[in-house]
Amino acid sequence: MEVFLQQLINGLTLGSIYGLIAIGYTMVFGIIGMVNFAHGDIFMLSAFIALIFFMLITAVVGTGAGMVMLALVVVLGLAMFVTSLWNWTIERVAYRPLRGSFRLAPLISAIGMSIFLMNFVQVVQGPRNKSIPPLLNKSITLIESTTYSVQISYKQIVIILTTAVLLAAFWYIVQKTPLGRAQRACEQDRKMAALLGIDVDRTISITFVMGAALAAVAGVMYLVLYGVVNFADGFVPGVKAFTAAVLGGIGSLPGAVIGGLLIGLIEVMWSAYFTIDYKDVAAFAILAIVLVFMPSGLLGRPEVEKV
């Protein structure tokens, strides 16, 4: 039981990161019906941005406990801003000109942008892993036994709480604010939304900015959790986050986070009780089984065609 509880905590931590990335996927797909395959690399780019800012700030203010926490807060804000600027530029340059084109054009552009971002970071930062000193390593012992101790570290608490707070904040924005109403109107019918006075291009751009901000938070949390990042770290988490969005129900913000938590739990539990070699196979197999019986995902709504 102690091992199970420890793996449950680890799975929720990893799943929270997947959930943050998955929200960006589900928001963009919900409005323009496009799978932004570059979103995983936006997450990777944000981790490098956070790494650079963290090293610069700590070089100035030092690495004391209080200074490190202050540096992390500043890094989080800077990473969200710079990453959002990157994604806004990508939407304007790579996606908006192709919005009225045939359906595969934006998808091909997204794949090309993903490859560009990966190779750009590889050239600028080099192919080797980049690391930071261990952060927030202190932990709280929940259960103490003679053979095993169940612990939760401060970084795990921060990651889980951050995900919960951001999910609540973004759900409120989408459901209760004028911006959210504009996003839901564009999701239902972009042409009718434009006729009713909604600036569709601006709404889509803001959606890309919001998705990038969440990816930046995930990138900072990933860097804090593992302490290392590589130029290729965007592909696999990106695919798993998209899987989480599909599993939870594409277009549903709570579904994206629930899907992320499930993917994280499946991956961690499989690694703990079976073999780490097939943890990805297990996650995708569960996705396939769920979609056979629930094609719209766990919280997704079936698409209704108007005639």
C-alpha atoms as a PDB file:
ATOM      1  CA  MET A   1       0.000   0.000   0.000  1.00  0.00           C
ATOM      2  CA  GLU A   2       2.854   2.401   0.782  1.00  0.00           C
ATOM      3  CA  VAL A   3       4.393   1.817  -2.643  1.00  0.00           C
ATOM      4  CA  PHE A   4       1.005   2.364  -4.295  1.00  0.00           C
ATOM      5  CA  LEU A   5       0.460   5.666  -2.463  1.00  0.00           C
ATOM      6  CA  GLN A   6       3.944   6.895  -3.422  1.00  0.00           C
ATOM      7  CA  GLN A   7       3.384   6.026  -7.076  1.00  0.00           C
ATOM      8  CA  LEU A   8      -0.024   7.718  -6.894  1.00  0.00           C
ATOM      9  CA  ILE A   9       1.653  10.951  -5.825  1.00  0.00           C
ATOM     10  CA  ASN A  10       4.299  10.583  -8.552  1.00  0.00           C
ATOM     11  CA  GLY A  11       1.628   9.877 -11.167  1.00  0.00           C
ATOM     12  CA  LEU A  12      -0.467  12.889 -10.191  1.00  0.00           C
ATOM     13  CA  THR A  13       2.632  15.096 -10.417  1.00  0.00           C
ATOM     14  CA  LEU A  14       3.558  13.890 -13.904  1.00  0.00           C
ATOM     15  CA  GLY A  15      -0.075  13.938 -15.002  1.00  0.00           C
ATOM     16  CA  SER A  16      -0.420  17.558 -13.886  1.00  0.00           C
ATOM     17  CA  ILE A  17       2.317  18.573 -16.327  1.00  0.00           C
ATOM     18  CA  TYR A  18       0.639  16.624 -19.129  1.00  0.00           C
ATOM     19  CA  GLY A  19      -2.672  18.256 -18.226  1.00  0.00           C
ATOM     20  CA  LEU A  20      -1.261  21.781 -18.487  1.00  0.00           C
ATOM     21  CA  ILE A  21       0.066  21.057 -21.977  1.00  0.00           C
ATOM     22  CA  ALA A  22      -3.171  19.288 -22.970  1.00  0.00           C
ATOM     23  CA  ILE A  23      -5.276  22.375 -22.198  1.00  0.00           C
ATOM     24  CA  GLY A  24      -3.404  24.247 -24.938  1.00  0.00           C
ATOM     25  CA  TYR A  25      -4.144  21.469 -27.424  1.00  0.00           C
ATOM     26  CA  THR A  26      -7.836  21.309 -26.559  1.00  0.00           C
ATOM     27  CA  MET A  27      -8.368  25.094 -26.633  1.00  0.00           C
ATOM     28  CA  VAL A  28      -6.840  25.525 -30.089  1.00  0.00           C
ATOM     29  CA  PHE A  29      -8.568  22.460 -31.534  1.00  0.00           C
ATOM     30  CA  GLY A  30     -11.876  23.516 -30.029  1.00  0.00           C
ATOM     31  CA  ILE A  31     -11.840  26.885 -31.813  1.00  0.00           C
ATOM     32  CA  ILE A  32     -10.203  26.271 -35.197  1.00  0.00           C
ATOM     33  CA  GLY A  33     -10.294  22.477 -35.433  1.00  0.00           C
ATOM     34  CA  MET A  34      -6.524  22.220 -35.918  1.00  0.00           C
ATOM     35  CA  VAL A  35      -4.087  19.967 -34.077  1.00  0.00           C
ATOM     36  CA  ASN A  36      -1.187  22.275 -33.227  1.00  0.00           C
ATOM     37  CA  PHE A  37       1.625  19.739 -33.415  1.00  0.00           C
ATOM     38  CA  ALA A  38       4.134  22.484 -32.594  1.00  0.00           C
ATOM     39  CA  HIS A  39       2.608  22.860 -29.118  1.00  0.00           C
ATOM     40  CA  GLY A  40       4.890  20.208 -27.613  1.00  0.00           C
ATOM     41  CA  ASP A  41       7.909  22.088 -28.917  1.00  0.00           C
ATOM     42  CA  ILE A  42       6.504  25.338 -27.520  1.00  0.00           C
ATOM     43  CA  PHE A  43       6.572  23.525 -24.160  1.00  0.00           C
ATOM     44  CA  MET A  44      10.199  22.519 -24.752  1.00  0.00           C
ATOM     45  CA  LEU A  45      11.090  26.070 -25.827  1.00  0.00           C
ATOM     46  CA  SER A  46       9.528  27.460 -22.656  1.00  0.00           C
ATOM     47  CA  ALA A  47      11.675  25.142 -20.533  1.00  0.00           C
ATOM     48  CA  PHE A  48      14.812  26.493 -22.231  1.00  0.00           C
ATOM     49  CA  ILE A  49      13.587  30.073 -21.804  1.00  0.00           C
ATOM     50  CA  ALA A  50      13.026  29.379 -18.099  1.00  0.00           C
ATOM     51  CA  LEU A  51      16.471  27.776 -17.838  1.00  0.00           C
ATOM     52  CA  ILE A  52      18.190  30.813 -19.375  1.00  0.00           C
ATOM     53  CA  PHE A  53      16.336  33.323 -17.204  1.00  0.00           C
ATOM     54  CA  PHE A  54      16.908  31.234 -14.077  1.00  0.00           C
ATOM     55  CA  MET A  55      20.666  31.053 -14.653  1.00  0.00           C
ATOM     56  CA  LEU A  56      20.852  34.789 -15.373  1.00  0.00           C
ATOM     57  CA  ILE A  57      18.808  35.790 -12.315  1.00  0.00           C
ATOM     58  CA  THR A  58      20.574  33.445  -9.881  1.00  0.00           C
ATOM     59  CA  ALA A  59      23.937  34.673 -11.190  1.00  0.00           C
ATOM     60  CA  VAL A  60      22.898  38.151 -10.032  1.00  0.00           C
ATOM     61  CA  VAL A  61      20.952  37.514  -6.802  1.00  0.00           C
ATOM     62  CA  GLY A  62      22.624  34.296  -5.665  1.00  0.00           C
ATOM     63  CA  THR A  63      21.261  30.845  -4.815  1.00  0.00           C
ATOM     64  CA  GLY A  64      19.989  31.316  -1.270  1.00  0.00           C
ATOM     65  CA  ALA A  65      16.680  29.664  -0.377  1.00  0.00           C
ATOM     66  CA  GLY A  66      14.696  32.919  -0.440  1.00  0.00           C
ATOM     67  CA  MET A  67      16.412  34.153  -3.578  1.00  0.00           C
ATOM     68  CA  VAL A  68      15.744  30.890  -5.423  1.00  0.00           C
ATOM     69  CA  MET A  69      12.010  31.103  -4.683  1.00  0.00           C
ATOM     70  CA  LEU A  70      11.936  34.722  -5.832  1.00  0.00           C
ATOM     71  CA  ALA A  71      13.882  33.772  -8.955  1.00  0.00           C
ATOM     72  CA  LEU A  72      11.387  30.985  -9.737  1.00  0.00           C
ATOM     73  CA  VAL A  73       8.426  33.366  -9.495  1.00  0.00           C
ATOM     74  CA  VAL A  74      10.142  35.905 -11.760  1.00  0.00           C
ATOM     75  CA  VAL A  75      11.215  33.155 -14.174  1.00  0.00           C
ATOM     76  CA  LEU A  76       7.656  31.848 -14.358  1.00  0.00           C
ATOM     77  CA  GLY A  77       6.308  35.262 -15.341  1.00  0.00           C
ATOM     78  CA  LEU A  78       9.065  35.918 -17.879  1.00  0.00           C
ATOM     79  CA  ALA A  79       8.730  32.447 -19.418  1.00  0.00           C
ATOM     80  CA  MET A  80       4.964  32.877 -19.796  1.00  0.00           C
ATOM     81  CA  PHE A  81       5.418  36.269 -21.481  1.00  0.00           C
ATOM     82  CA  VAL A  82       8.206  35.258 -23.880  1.00  0.00           C
ATOM     83  CA  THR A  83       6.606  31.913 -24.776  1.00  0.00           C
ATOM     84  CA  SER A  84       3.255  33.614 -25.419  1.00  0.00           C
ATOM     85  CA  LEU A  85       5.026  36.078 -27.703  1.00  0.00           C
ATOM     86  CA  TRP A  86       6.586  33.178 -29.613  1.00  0.00           C
ATOM     87  CA  ASN A  87       3.244  31.402 -30.047  1.00  0.00           C
ATOM     88  CA  TRP A  88       1.501  34.628 -31.060  1.00  0.00           C
ATOM     89  CA  THR A  89       4.143  35.142 -33.749  1.00  0.00           C
ATOM     90  CA  ILE A  90       3.814  31.534 -34.942  1.00  0.00           C
ATOM     91  CA  GLU A  91       0.038  31.910 -35.241  1.00  0.00           C
ATOM     92  CA  ARG A  92       0.393  35.114 -37.249  1.00  0.00           C
ATOM     93  CA  VAL A  93       3.124  33.797 -39.550  1.00  0.00           C
ATOM     94  CA  ALA A  94       2.444  30.061 -39.975  1.00  0.00           C
ATOM     95  CA  TYR A  95      -1.257  29.493 -39.301  1.00  0.00           C
ATOM     96  CA  ARG A  96      -3.353  32.580 -40.033  1.00  0.00           C
ATOM     97  CA  PRO A  97      -2.421  32.857 -43.755  1.00  0.00           C
ATOM     98  CA  LEU A  98      -3.508  29.218 -44.228  1.00  0.00           C
ATOM     99  CA  ARG A  99      -6.781  29.419 -42.314  1.00  0.00           C
ATOM    100  CA  GLY A 100      -8.918  29.559 -45.451  1.00  0.00           C
ATOM    101  CA  SER A 101      -6.850  26.975 -47.316  1.00  0.00           C
ATOM    102  CA  PHE A 102      -7.506  23.239 -47.625  1.00  0.00           C
ATOM    103  CA  ARG A 103      -7.766  21.359 -44.347  1.00  0.00           C
ATOM    104  CA  LEU A 104      -4.320  19.722 -44.369  1.00  0.00           C
ATOM    105  CA  ALA A 105      -2.380  22.956 -44.995  1.00  0.00           C
ATOM    106  CA  PRO A 106      -2.352  24.191 -41.350  1.00  0.00           C
ATOM    107  CA  LEU A 107      -1.510  20.666 -40.177  1.00  0.00           C
ATOM    108  CA  ILE A 108       1.501  20.486 -42.496  1.00  0.00           C
ATOM    109  CA  SER A 109       2.530  23.974 -41.377  1.00  0.00           C
ATOM    110  CA  ALA A 110       2.294  22.890 -37.726  1.00  0.00           C
ATOM    111  CA  ILE A 111       4.518  19.873 -38.345  1.00  0.00           C
ATOM    112  CA  GLY A 112       7.019  22.094 -40.158  1.00  0.00           C
ATOM    113  CA  MET A 113       6.989  24.597 -37.298  1.00  0.00           C
ATOM    114  CA  SER A 114       7.583  21.759 -34.818  1.00  0.00           C
ATOM    115  CA  ILE A 115      10.666  20.635 -36.743  1.00  0.00           C
ATOM    116  CA  PHE A 116      11.861  24.248 -37.043  1.00  0.00           C
ATOM    117  CA  LEU A 117      11.584  24.886 -33.289  1.00  0.00           C
ATOM    118  CA  MET A 118      13.359  21.641 -32.429  1.00  0.00           C
ATOM    119  CA  ASN A 119      16.261  22.345 -34.761  1.00  0.00           C
ATOM    120  CA  PHE A 120      16.393  26.024 -33.796  1.00  0.00           C
ATOM    121  CA  VAL A 121      16.887  25.120 -30.124  1.00  0.00           C
ATOM    122  CA  GLN A 122      19.402  22.421 -31.075  1.00  0.00           C
ATOM    123  CA  VAL A 123      21.493  24.948 -33.020  1.00  0.00           C
ATOM    124  CA  VAL A 124      21.231  27.750 -30.447  1.00  0.00           C
ATOM    125  CA  GLN A 125      21.615  25.690 -27.250  1.00  0.00           C
ATOM    126  CA  GLY A 126      23.457  22.626 -28.534  1.00  0.00           C
ATOM    127  CA  PRO A 127      22.458  18.942 -28.519  1.00  0.00           C
ATOM    128  CA  ARG A 128      23.525  18.188 -24.938  1.00  0.00           C
ATOM    129  CA  ASN A 129      21.285  18.152 -21.880  1.00  0.00           C
ATOM    130  CA  LYS A 130      21.065  21.444 -20.005  1.00  0.00           C
ATOM    131  CA  SER A 131      20.606  21.275 -16.246  1.00  0.00           C
ATOM    132  CA  ILE A 132      19.960  23.461 -13.217  1.00  0.00           C
ATOM    133  CA  PRO A 133      20.751  22.818  -9.531  1.00  0.00           C
ATOM    134  CA  PRO A 134      18.145  20.724  -7.635  1.00  0.00           C
ATOM    135  CA  LEU A 135      15.249  22.868  -6.418  1.00  0.00           C
ATOM    136  CA  LEU A 136      12.609  22.397  -3.687  1.00  0.00           C
ATOM    137  CA  ASN A 137      13.997  18.997  -2.724  1.00  0.00           C
ATOM    138  CA  LYS A 138      12.688  19.013   0.839  1.00  0.00           C
ATOM    139  CA  SER A 139       9.798  16.644   1.423  1.00  0.00           C
ATOM    140  CA  ILE A 140       7.028  15.862   3.883  1.00  0.00           C
ATOM    141  CA  THR A 141       6.730  12.310   5.191  1.00  0.00           C
ATOM    142  CA  LEU A 142       3.082  11.209   5.038  1.00  0.00           C
ATOM    143  CA  ILE A 143       3.448   7.590   6.172  1.00  0.00           C
ATOM    144  CA  GLU A 144       6.430   6.146   8.008  1.00  0.00           C
ATOM    145  CA  SER A 145       6.937   2.394   8.227  1.00  0.00           C
ATOM    146  CA  THR A 146       9.830   0.057   8.914  1.00  0.00           C
ATOM    147  CA  THR A 147      10.245  -0.824   5.221  1.00  0.00           C
ATOM    148  CA  TYR A 148       8.973   2.145   3.240  1.00  0.00           C
ATOM    149  CA  SER A 149       8.177   5.842   3.694  1.00  0.00           C
ATOM    150  CA  VAL A 150       5.580   7.703   1.652  1.00  0.00           C
ATOM    151  CA  GLN A 151       6.806  11.220   0.947  1.00  0.00           C
ATOM    152  CA  ILE A 152       5.644  14.203  -1.058  1.00  0.00           C
ATOM    153  CA  SER A 153       8.219  16.805  -1.982  1.00  0.00           C
ATOM    154  CA  TYR A 154       7.633  20.541  -2.007  1.00  0.00           C
ATOM    155  CA  LYS A 155       8.048  20.605  -5.783  1.00  0.00           C
ATOM    156  CA  GLN A 156       5.304  18.001  -6.194  1.00  0.00           C
ATOM    157  CA  ILE A 157       2.965  20.049  -4.002  1.00  0.00           C
ATOM    158  CA  VAL A 158       3.722  23.165  -6.077  1.00  0.00           C
ATOM    159  CA  ILE A 159       3.083  21.350  -9.379  1.00  0.00           C
ATOM    160  CA  ILE A 160      -0.238  19.795  -8.294  1.00  0.00           C
ATOM    161  CA  LEU A 161      -1.547  22.992  -6.689  1.00  0.00           C
ATOM    162  CA  THR A 162      -0.465  25.119  -9.661  1.00  0.00           C
ATOM    163  CA  THR A 163      -2.355  22.847 -12.042  1.00  0.00           C
ATOM    164  CA  ALA A 164      -5.498  22.962  -9.911  1.00  0.00           C
ATOM    165  CA  VAL A 165      -5.414  26.756  -9.598  1.00  0.00           C
ATOM    166  CA  LEU A 166      -4.772  27.323 -13.312  1.00  0.00           C
ATOM    167  CA  LEU A 167      -7.523  24.894 -14.327  1.00  0.00           C
ATOM    168  CA  ALA A 168     -10.002  26.779 -12.126  1.00  0.00           C
ATOM    169  CA  ALA A 169      -8.816  30.158 -13.451  1.00  0.00           C
ATOM    170  CA  PHE A 170      -9.008  29.189 -17.111  1.00  0.00           C
ATOM    171  CA  TRP A 171     -12.352  27.443 -16.655  1.00  0.00           C
ATOM    172  CA  TYR A 172     -13.698  30.686 -15.160  1.00  0.00           C
ATOM    173  CA  ILE A 173     -12.278  32.715 -18.057  1.00  0.00           C
ATOM    174  CA  VAL A 174     -13.835  30.445 -20.681  1.00  0.00           C
ATOM    175  CA  GLN A 175     -17.218  30.120 -18.963  1.00  0.00           C
ATOM    176  CA  LYS A 176     -17.804  33.487 -17.279  1.00  0.00           C
ATOM    177  CA  THR A 177     -15.987  36.265 -19.163  1.00  0.00           C
ATOM    178  CA  PRO A 178     -16.640  38.107 -22.461  1.00  0.00           C
ATOM    179  CA  LEU A 179     -13.435  36.582 -23.865  1.00  0.00           C
ATOM    180  CA  GLY A 180     -14.690  33.110 -22.998  1.00  0.00           C
ATOM    181  CA  ARG A 181     -18.041  33.805 -24.644  1.00  0.00           C
ATOM    182  CA  ALA A 182     -16.215  34.969 -27.778  1.00  0.00           C
ATOM    183  CA  GLN A 183     -14.115  31.793 -27.755  1.00  0.00           C
ATOM    184  CA  ARG A 184     -17.185  29.577 -27.400  1.00  0.00           C
ATOM    185  CA  ALA A 185     -18.942  31.492 -30.173  1.00  0.00           C
ATOM    186  CA  CYS A 186     -15.958  31.000 -32.493  1.00  0.00           C
ATOM    187  CA  GLU A 187     -15.932  27.321 -31.565  1.00  0.00           C
ATOM    188  CA  GLN A 188     -19.554  26.930 -32.663  1.00  0.00           C
ATOM    189  CA  ASP A 189     -19.493  29.014 -35.849  1.00  0.00           C
ATOM    190  CA  ARG A 190     -16.705  31.420 -36.772  1.00  0.00           C
ATOM    191  CA  LYS A 191     -18.583  33.054 -39.641  1.00  0.00           C
ATOM    192  CA  MET A 192     -21.658  33.771 -37.530  1.00  0.00           C
ATOM    193  CA  ALA A 193     -19.444  35.028 -34.681  1.00  0.00           C
ATOM    194  CA  ALA A 194     -17.821  37.489 -37.090  1.00  0.00           C
ATOM    195  CA  LEU A 195     -21.235  38.670 -38.302  1.00  0.00           C
ATOM    196  CA  LEU A 196     -22.199  39.346 -34.688  1.00  0.00           C
ATOM    197  CA  GLY A 197     -19.203  41.642 -34.219  1.00  0.00           C
ATOM    198  CA  ILE A 198     -16.666  39.278 -32.634  1.00  0.00           C
ATOM    199  CA  ASP A 199     -13.082  39.824 -33.778  1.00  0.00           C
ATOM    200  CA  VAL A 200     -12.359  36.217 -34.738  1.00  0.00           C
ATOM    201  CA  ASP A 201      -8.660  36.739 -35.559  1.00  0.00           C
ATOM    202  CA  ARG A 202      -8.051  38.471 -32.233  1.00  0.00           C
ATOM    203  CA  THR A 203      -9.913  35.727 -30.341  1.00  0.00           C
ATOM    204  CA  ILE A 204      -7.872  32.997 -32.007  1.00  0.00           C
ATOM    205  CA  SER A 205      -4.612  34.853 -31.317  1.00  0.00           C
ATOM    206  CA  ILE A 206      -5.522  35.235 -27.632  1.00  0.00           C
ATOM    207  CA  THR A 207      -6.322  31.516 -27.492  1.00  0.00           C
ATOM    208  CA  PHE A 208      -2.844  30.701 -28.816  1.00  0.00           C
ATOM    209  CA  VAL A 209      -1.353  33.080 -26.227  1.00  0.00           C
ATOM    210  CA  MET A 210      -3.303  31.398 -23.412  1.00  0.00           C
ATOM    211  CA  GLY A 211      -2.214  27.946 -24.577  1.00  0.00           C
ATOM    212  CA  ALA A 212       1.415  29.072 -24.725  1.00  0.00           C
ATOM    213  CA  ALA A 213       1.219  30.563 -21.228  1.00  0.00           C
ATOM    214  CA  LEU A 214       0.022  27.215 -19.859  1.00  0.00           C
ATOM    215  CA  ALA A 215       2.744  25.395 -21.802  1.00  0.00           C
ATOM    216  CA  ALA A 216       5.271  27.792 -20.240  1.00  0.00           C
ATOM    217  CA  VAL A 217       4.008  26.937 -16.748  1.00  0.00           C
ATOM    218  CA  ALA A 218       4.329  23.252 -17.643  1.00  0.00           C
ATOM    219  CA  GLY A 219       7.858  23.882 -18.945  1.00  0.00           C
ATOM    220  CA  VAL A 220       8.918  25.573 -15.708  1.00  0.00           C
ATOM    221  CA  MET A 221       7.350  22.784 -13.634  1.00  0.00           C
ATOM    222  CA  TYR A 222       9.076  20.164 -15.800  1.00  0.00           C
ATOM    223  CA  LEU A 223      12.419  21.918 -15.274  1.00  0.00           C
ATOM    224  CA  VAL A 224      11.856  22.104 -11.506  1.00  0.00           C
ATOM    225  CA  LEU A 225      10.807  18.433 -11.333  1.00  0.00           C
ATOM    226  CA  TYR A 226      13.588  16.887 -13.419  1.00  0.00           C
ATOM    227  CA  GLY A 227      16.255  19.601 -13.370  1.00  0.00           C
ATOM    228  CA  VAL A 228      17.299  18.889 -16.954  1.00  0.00           C
ATOM    229  CA  VAL A 229      15.987  19.667 -20.427  1.00  0.00           C
ATOM    230  CA  ASN A 230      16.945  18.630 -23.953  1.00  0.00           C
ATOM    231  CA  PHE A 231      16.027  19.994 -27.380  1.00  0.00           C
ATOM    232  CA  ALA A 232      14.100  16.763 -28.128  1.00  0.00           C
ATOM    233  CA  ASP A 233      12.001  16.924 -24.945  1.00  0.00           C
ATOM    234  CA  GLY A 234       9.021  18.467 -26.718  1.00  0.00           C
ATOM    235  CA  PHE A 235       7.949  15.552 -28.913  1.00  0.00           C
ATOM    236  CA  VAL A 236       7.067  12.769 -26.449  1.00  0.00           C
ATOM    237  CA  PRO A 237       5.396  14.996 -23.799  1.00  0.00           C
ATOM    238  CA  GLY A 238       3.561  16.756 -26.628  1.00  0.00           C
ATOM    239  CA  VAL A 239       2.209  13.502 -28.045  1.00  0.00           C
ATOM    240  CA  LYS A 240       1.204  12.309 -24.569  1.00  0.00           C
ATOM    241  CA  ALA A 241      -0.497  15.624 -23.819  1.00  0.00           C
ATOM    242  CA  PHE A 242      -2.442  15.404 -27.085  1.00  0.00           C
ATOM    243  CA  THR A 243      -3.368  11.850 -26.123  1.00  0.00           C
ATOM    244  CA  ALA A 244      -4.565  13.204 -22.776  1.00  0.00           C
ATOM    245  CA  ALA A 245      -6.695  15.835 -24.534  1.00  0.00           C
ATOM    246  CA  VAL A 246      -8.298  13.170 -26.738  1.00  0.00           C
ATOM    247  CA  LEU A 247      -8.778  10.811 -23.795  1.00  0.00           C
ATOM    248  CA  GLY A 248     -10.461  13.473 -21.675  1.00  0.00           C
ATOM    249  CA  GLY A 249     -12.585  14.762 -24.551  1.00  0.00           C
ATOM    250  CA  ILE A 250     -11.212  17.275 -27.030  1.00  0.00           C
ATOM    251  CA  GLY A 251     -12.644  20.723 -26.334  1.00  0.00           C
ATOM    252  CA  SER A 252     -13.134  20.132 -22.594  1.00  0.00           C
ATOM    253  CA  LEU A 253     -10.718  21.874 -20.214  1.00  0.00           C
ATOM    254  CA  PRO A 254     -11.462  19.618 -17.205  1.00  0.00           C
ATOM    255  CA  GLY A 255     -11.314  16.644 -19.576  1.00  0.00           C
ATOM    256  CA  ALA A 256      -7.811  17.653 -20.704  1.00  0.00           C
ATOM    257  CA  VAL A 257      -6.547  17.742 -17.113  1.00  0.00           C
ATOM    258  CA  ILE A 258      -8.317  14.484 -16.189  1.00  0.00           C
ATOM    259  CA  GLY A 259      -6.821  12.861 -19.285  1.00  0.00           C
ATOM    260  CA  GLY A 260      -3.382  14.145 -18.326  1.00  0.00           C
ATOM    261  CA  LEU A 261      -3.717  12.785 -14.805  1.00  0.00           C
ATOM    262  CA  LEU A 262      -4.813   9.391 -16.153  1.00  0.00           C
ATOM    263  CA  ILE A 263      -1.911   9.220 -18.625  1.00  0.00           C
ATOM    264  CA  GLY A 264       0.533  10.152 -15.852  1.00  0.00           C
ATOM    265  CA  LEU A 265      -0.928   7.567 -13.463  1.00  0.00           C
ATOM    266  CA  ILE A 266      -0.926   4.799 -16.084  1.00  0.00           C
ATOM    267  CA  GLU A 267       2.670   5.565 -17.025  1.00  0.00           C
ATOM    268  CA  VAL A 268       3.956   5.654 -13.445  1.00  0.00           C
ATOM    269  CA  MET A 269       1.970   2.646 -12.219  1.00  0.00           C
ATOM    270  CA  TRP A 270       3.014   0.527 -15.190  1.00  0.00           C
ATOM    271  CA  SER A 271       6.665   1.465 -14.622  1.00  0.00           C
ATOM    272  CA  ALA A 272       6.421   0.582 -10.928  1.00  0.00           C
ATOM    273  CA  TYR A 273       4.587  -2.739 -11.149  1.00  0.00           C
ATOM    274  CA  PHE A 274       5.523  -4.107 -14.581  1.00  0.00           C
ATOM    275  CA  THR A 275       8.314  -2.775 -16.785  1.00  0.00           C
ATOM    276  CA  ILE A 276       9.390   0.694 -17.746  1.00  0.00           C
ATOM    277  CA  ASP A 277       9.997  -0.419 -21.352  1.00  0.00           C
ATOM    278  CA  TYR A 278       6.303  -0.591 -22.237  1.00  0.00           C
ATOM    279  CA  LYS A 279       4.878   2.307 -20.222  1.00  0.00           C
ATOM    280  CA  ASP A 280       4.072   4.302 -23.373  1.00  0.00           C
ATOM    281  CA  VAL A 281       2.414   1.264 -24.975  1.00  0.00           C
ATOM    282  CA  ALA A 282       0.195   0.886 -21.906  1.00  0.00           C
ATOM    283  CA  ALA A 283      -0.918   4.531 -22.022  1.00  0.00           C
ATOM    284  CA  PHE A 284      -1.823   4.423 -25.727  1.00  0.00           C
ATOM    285  CA  ALA A 285      -3.532   1.035 -25.334  1.00  0.00           C
ATOM    286  CA  ILE A 286      -5.796   2.480 -22.633  1.00  0.00           C
ATOM    287  CA  LEU A 287      -6.569   5.404 -24.962  1.00  0.00           C
ATOM    288  CA  ALA A 288      -7.568   3.019 -27.761  1.00  0.00           C
ATOM    289  CA  ILE A 289      -9.813   0.999 -25.434  1.00  0.00           C
ATOM    290  CA  VAL A 290     -11.556   4.120 -24.091  1.00  0.00           C
ATOM    291  CA  LEU A 291     -12.148   5.535 -27.580  1.00  0.00           C
ATOM    292  CA  VAL A 292     -13.699   2.257 -28.754  1.00  0.00           C
ATOM    293  CA  PHE A 293     -16.445   2.574 -26.144  1.00  0.00           C
ATOM    294  CA  MET A 294     -16.448   6.395 -25.762  1.00  0.00           C
ATOM    295  CA  PRO A 295     -15.455   7.959 -29.115  1.00  0.00           C
ATOM    296  CA  SER A 296     -15.832  11.495 -27.748  1.00  0.00           C
ATOM    297  CA  GLY A 297     -13.561  10.831 -24.767  1.00  0.00           C
ATOM    298  CA  LEU A 298     -14.447  10.893 -21.099  1.00  0.00           C
ATOM    299  CA  LEU A 299     -15.978  14.396 -20.954  1.00  0.00           C
ATOM    300  CA  GLY A 300     -16.280  15.220 -24.649  1.00  0.00           C
ATOM    301  CA  ARG A 301     -19.550  16.035 -26.332  1.00  0.00           C
ATOM    302  CA  PRO A 302     -20.547  14.260 -29.545  1.00  0.00           C
ATOM    303  CA  GLU A 303     -20.308  16.541 -32.543  1.00  0.00           C
ATOM    304  CA  VAL A 304     -23.668  17.433 -34.042  1.00  0.00           C
ATOM    305  CA  GLU A 305     -23.813  18.224 -37.763  1.00  0.00           C
ATOM    306  CA  LYS A 306     -26.257  20.969 -38.718  1.00  0.00           C
ATOM    307  CA  VAL A 307     -28.223  20.392 -41.921  1.00  0.00           C
END
